[in-house]
């Protein structure tokens, strides 16, 4: 499963008023793992950036003076994202700007939503946390994602933060079924009343111990759970009791 966590920065709020993309940042996930095969590009917009936008992301026209235009990187960008699932916070905004740039680049160009599946984490967060603030900063606080290094918005930085938030939002415990459990009429699973027995002649299972990196990631996740939960982390309590 290939997913691309995407964010953009722009000259203003509305492409219909002539505003343009000035930064695209993409973080690749394969099977929910960061690959470091990222895509990042600043863009020359050929127009002034609104002062209010500069206050948000800190990108100036002077900085973008020697950067390529969207038409120069369009094919590389499409090669990178086509066929993936895009993970975007407030997808309507970013997709609207991308579609605007694609239309300027080539008459009749496909819209990004026809080339990629799009998952909007803002819609997801509103469904999970109705009536609460669901900005990226609010989600970082809720899911104990460190964004202390984020003084200004930036497409690649925000995509990196969103990747951590998305994995935390979708990384809860899932139900595991071991097979042989009959499905109920509602699509769920019925209780298993007959125990199966393992074949005594089966090959021994290979035990693969966790390496130092995996152990550190495990410890960090438990610490985040303990910090976020008012009741602490049950696993850590069991370890300390043992």
Protein backbone atom coordinates (compact mmCIF):
# COMPACT_ATOMS: atom_id res chain seq x y z
CA UNK A 1 0.00 0.00 0.00
CA UNK A 2 1.61 3.26 -1.14
CA UNK A 3 0.47 6.47 0.52
CA UNK A 4 1.72 10.01 0.01
CA UNK A 5 1.24 12.54 2.80
CA UNK A 6 1.04 15.88 0.97
CA UNK A 7 1.00 19.54 1.91
CA UNK A 8 1.38 22.78 -0.05
CA UNK A 9 2.10 26.44 0.53
CA UNK A 10 0.60 29.15 -1.66
CA UNK A 11 0.66 32.86 -2.46
CA UNK A 12 -2.84 33.31 -1.01
CA UNK A 13 -6.11 31.60 -0.25
CA UNK A 14 -7.97 31.21 -3.55
CA UNK A 15 -6.65 30.02 -6.93
CA UNK A 16 -9.68 31.60 -8.60
CA UNK A 17 -8.13 34.96 -7.66
CA UNK A 18 -4.91 34.03 -9.43
CA UNK A 19 -3.07 32.65 -6.42
CA UNK A 20 -0.44 30.00 -7.08
CA UNK A 21 1.44 27.14 -5.49
CA UNK A 22 4.88 28.02 -4.15
CA UNK A 23 5.83 24.81 -2.32
CA UNK A 24 4.89 21.12 -2.54
CA UNK A 25 6.00 18.65 0.13
CA UNK A 26 5.33 14.91 -0.02
CA UNK A 27 6.23 12.10 2.40
CA UNK A 28 6.01 8.52 1.11
CA UNK A 29 4.62 5.67 3.21
CA UNK A 30 4.79 2.05 2.07
CA UNK A 31 2.71 -0.29 4.22
CA UNK A 32 2.55 2.52 6.82
CA UNK A 33 6.34 2.84 7.03
CA UNK A 34 8.30 5.99 6.16
CA UNK A 35 10.55 5.32 3.18
CA UNK A 36 12.42 8.68 2.95
CA UNK A 37 11.59 8.66 -0.78
CA UNK A 38 10.11 12.14 -0.50
CA UNK A 39 9.23 14.84 -3.03
CA UNK A 40 9.90 18.48 -2.22
CA UNK A 41 9.86 21.49 -4.52
CA UNK A 42 9.69 25.26 -4.18
CA UNK A 43 8.04 27.03 -7.14
CA UNK A 44 8.29 30.44 -8.82
CA UNK A 45 4.68 31.76 -8.87
CA UNK A 46 5.17 34.74 -11.24
CA UNK A 47 3.13 36.93 -8.90
CA UNK A 48 3.46 38.65 -5.55
CA UNK A 49 2.82 36.66 -2.39
CA UNK A 50 0.21 38.13 -0.05
CA UNK A 51 1.72 39.64 3.09
CA UNK A 52 -0.62 37.55 5.23
CA UNK A 53 0.66 34.39 3.55
CA UNK A 54 4.30 35.36 4.15
CA UNK A 55 3.48 35.73 7.85
CA UNK A 56 2.25 32.12 7.85
CA UNK A 57 5.00 30.35 5.91
CA UNK A 58 7.84 32.89 5.71
CA UNK A 59 8.48 32.28 1.99
CA UNK A 60 9.29 35.42 -0.01
CA UNK A 61 9.36 36.31 -3.70
CA UNK A 62 13.07 36.97 -3.41
CA UNK A 63 13.66 33.42 -2.16
CA UNK A 64 11.61 31.97 -5.05
CA UNK A 65 13.22 34.08 -7.77
CA UNK A 66 15.44 31.28 -9.12
CA UNK A 67 13.03 28.38 -8.46
CA UNK A 68 11.38 26.40 -11.30
CA UNK A 69 7.83 27.01 -12.42
CA UNK A 70 5.15 24.35 -11.97
CA UNK A 71 5.23 23.44 -15.67
CA UNK A 72 8.88 22.46 -15.29
CA UNK A 73 8.20 19.94 -12.53
CA UNK A 74 4.64 18.83 -13.39
CA UNK A 75 5.57 15.53 -15.02
CA UNK A 76 7.97 14.58 -12.22
CA UNK A 77 5.29 15.40 -9.64
CA UNK A 78 2.63 13.36 -11.44
CA UNK A 79 5.01 10.42 -11.90
CA UNK A 80 5.61 10.50 -8.16
CA UNK A 81 1.99 10.67 -6.95
CA UNK A 82 -0.09 8.89 -9.61
CA UNK A 83 -1.72 5.73 -8.30
CA UNK A 84 -0.99 6.47 -4.64
CA UNK A 85 -3.41 7.39 -1.87
CA UNK A 86 -2.90 11.04 -0.96
CA UNK A 87 -3.21 11.89 2.75
CA UNK A 88 -3.99 15.62 3.07
CA UNK A 89 -5.28 17.84 5.89
CA UNK A 90 -8.09 19.95 4.40
CA UNK A 91 -7.75 18.26 1.03
CA UNK A 92 -10.13 20.61 -0.79
CA UNK A 93 -7.65 23.47 -0.39
CA UNK A 94 -4.54 21.64 -1.60
CA UNK A 95 -6.30 19.70 -4.37
CA UNK A 96 -7.94 22.90 -5.59
CA UNK A 97 -4.55 24.55 -6.03
CA UNK A 98 -3.01 21.46 -7.63
CA UNK A 99 -5.90 21.18 -10.09
CA UNK A 100 -5.54 24.88 -10.90
CA UNK A 101 -1.83 24.41 -11.65
CA UNK A 102 -2.49 21.30 -13.74
CA UNK A 103 -5.08 23.20 -15.79
CA UNK A 104 -2.64 26.05 -16.41
CA UNK A 105 0.08 23.57 -17.37
CA UNK A 106 -1.92 21.56 -19.89
CA UNK A 107 -5.38 22.09 -21.35
CA UNK A 108 -7.62 19.19 -20.38
CA UNK A 109 -5.18 17.82 -17.80
CA UNK A 110 -6.68 15.25 -15.44
CA UNK A 111 -7.69 16.40 -11.98
CA UNK A 112 -5.59 15.04 -9.15
CA UNK A 113 -8.57 13.19 -7.69
CA UNK A 114 -8.82 11.08 -10.84
CA UNK A 115 -5.15 10.08 -10.61
CA UNK A 116 -5.00 9.33 -6.88
CA UNK A 117 -7.28 8.32 -4.06
CA UNK A 118 -7.57 11.20 -1.60
CA UNK A 119 -8.04 10.88 2.17
CA UNK A 120 -8.80 14.08 4.07
CA UNK A 121 -7.48 13.90 7.63
CA UNK A 122 -9.54 16.96 8.59
CA UNK A 123 -12.75 15.09 7.69
CA UNK A 124 -11.41 12.04 9.52
CA UNK A 125 -10.56 14.09 12.63
CA UNK A 126 -13.97 15.78 12.69
CA UNK A 127 -15.60 12.36 12.58
CA UNK A 128 -13.37 11.02 15.38
CA UNK A 129 -13.51 14.18 17.53
CA UNK A 130 -16.78 16.02 16.84
CA UNK A 131 -17.09 19.47 18.32
CA UNK A 132 -13.36 19.77 19.03
CA UNK A 133 -10.58 21.76 17.39
CA UNK A 134 -9.04 19.65 14.64
CA UNK A 135 -6.28 21.85 13.24
CA UNK A 136 -2.94 20.15 12.70
CA UNK A 137 -1.58 21.82 15.84
CA UNK A 138 -4.58 20.62 17.87
CA UNK A 139 -4.13 17.06 16.58
CA UNK A 140 -0.43 17.16 17.45
CA UNK A 141 -1.37 17.99 21.04
CA UNK A 142 -4.11 15.37 21.14
CA UNK A 143 -1.89 12.57 19.79
CA UNK A 144 1.35 13.67 21.53
CA UNK A 145 3.13 14.43 18.26
CA UNK A 146 6.08 16.78 18.77
CA UNK A 147 5.76 19.92 16.64
CA UNK A 148 7.94 22.16 18.80
CA UNK A 149 10.34 22.71 15.86
CA UNK A 150 7.53 24.27 13.79
CA UNK A 151 7.83 28.05 14.06
CA UNK A 152 6.38 28.67 10.59
CA UNK A 153 4.36 26.54 8.22
CA UNK A 154 6.26 24.70 5.51
CA UNK A 155 4.95 22.08 3.09
CA UNK A 156 7.56 19.39 3.75
CA UNK A 157 7.67 20.02 7.50
CA UNK A 158 3.88 19.99 7.78
CA UNK A 159 3.70 16.80 5.68
CA UNK A 160 6.20 15.15 8.05
CA UNK A 161 4.12 16.19 11.06
CA UNK A 162 0.88 15.10 9.37
CA UNK A 163 2.40 11.69 8.62
CA UNK A 164 3.02 11.19 12.36
CA UNK A 165 -0.49 12.42 13.21
CA UNK A 166 -2.11 10.19 10.56
CA UNK A 167 -0.25 7.10 11.78
CA UNK A 168 -1.30 7.90 15.36
CA UNK A 169 -4.93 8.51 14.33
CA UNK A 170 -5.16 5.23 12.44
CA UNK A 171 -2.84 3.11 14.57
CA UNK A 172 -5.24 1.94 17.26
CA UNK A 173 -5.70 -1.69 18.25
CA UNK A 174 -7.48 -3.74 15.63
CA UNK A 175 -9.41 -6.98 16.17
CA UNK A 176 -7.49 -10.07 15.16
CA UNK A 177 -9.23 -13.28 14.10
CA UNK A 178 -7.24 -16.47 13.82
CA UNK A 179 -9.42 -18.24 11.29
CA UNK A 180 -12.09 -20.86 11.78
CA UNK A 181 -14.42 -18.34 13.41
CA UNK A 182 -17.78 -18.40 11.62
CA UNK A 183 -19.15 -15.06 10.47
CA UNK A 184 -22.47 -13.89 11.87
CA UNK A 185 -25.27 -12.69 9.64
CA UNK A 186 -24.31 -9.09 10.47
CA UNK A 187 -20.81 -9.62 9.16
CA UNK A 188 -19.21 -9.88 12.61
CA UNK A 189 -17.76 -12.94 14.27
CA UNK A 190 -19.59 -15.43 16.46
CA UNK A 191 -18.06 -16.64 19.68
CA UNK A 192 -15.90 -19.74 19.23
CA UNK A 193 -17.13 -22.61 21.38
CA UNK A 194 -14.81 -25.36 20.09
CA UNK A 195 -11.10 -25.12 20.69
CA UNK A 196 -8.77 -26.09 17.90
CA UNK A 197 -5.57 -27.96 18.62
CA UNK A 198 -2.17 -27.28 17.08
CA UNK A 199 -0.51 -30.05 15.12
CA UNK A 200 2.24 -31.43 17.39
CA UNK A 201 4.35 -32.21 14.33
CA UNK A 202 4.28 -28.65 13.04
CA UNK A 203 7.68 -26.94 12.44
CA UNK A 204 8.95 -24.85 15.31
CA UNK A 205 8.24 -21.15 14.91
CA UNK A 206 11.28 -18.96 14.36
CA UNK A 207 11.72 -16.32 17.07
CA UNK A 208 13.00 -12.98 15.76
CA UNK A 209 13.97 -10.66 18.64
CA UNK A 210 13.36 -6.93 18.26
CA UNK A 211 16.45 -4.91 17.42
CA UNK A 212 17.50 -1.78 19.31
CA UNK A 213 15.65 0.56 16.91
CA UNK A 214 12.39 -1.39 17.27
CA UNK A 215 12.74 -1.48 21.06
CA UNK A 216 13.32 2.28 21.15
CA UNK A 217 10.26 2.90 18.94
CA UNK A 218 8.20 0.61 21.21
CA UNK A 219 9.33 2.48 24.32
CA UNK A 220 8.53 5.84 22.71
CA UNK A 221 5.02 4.68 21.76
CA UNK A 222 4.33 3.42 25.29
CA UNK A 223 5.53 6.73 26.72
CA UNK A 224 3.20 8.62 24.35
CA UNK A 225 0.27 6.41 25.41
CA UNK A 226 1.07 6.99 29.08
CA UNK A 227 1.19 10.74 28.51
CA UNK A 228 -2.06 10.87 26.53
CA UNK A 229 -4.14 8.57 28.72
CA UNK A 230 -5.49 9.75 32.10
CA UNK A 231 -5.15 6.17 33.35
CA UNK A 232 -1.58 5.76 32.15
CA UNK A 233 -0.31 2.84 30.07
CA UNK A 234 -1.43 -0.63 31.17
CA UNK A 235 1.57 -2.28 29.53
CA UNK A 236 4.03 -0.14 31.50
CA UNK A 237 2.13 -0.93 34.71
CA UNK A 238 2.43 -4.66 33.98
CA UNK A 239 6.15 -4.31 33.26
CA UNK A 240 6.78 -2.42 36.52
CA UNK A 241 4.68 -4.94 38.47
CA UNK A 242 6.68 -7.82 36.97
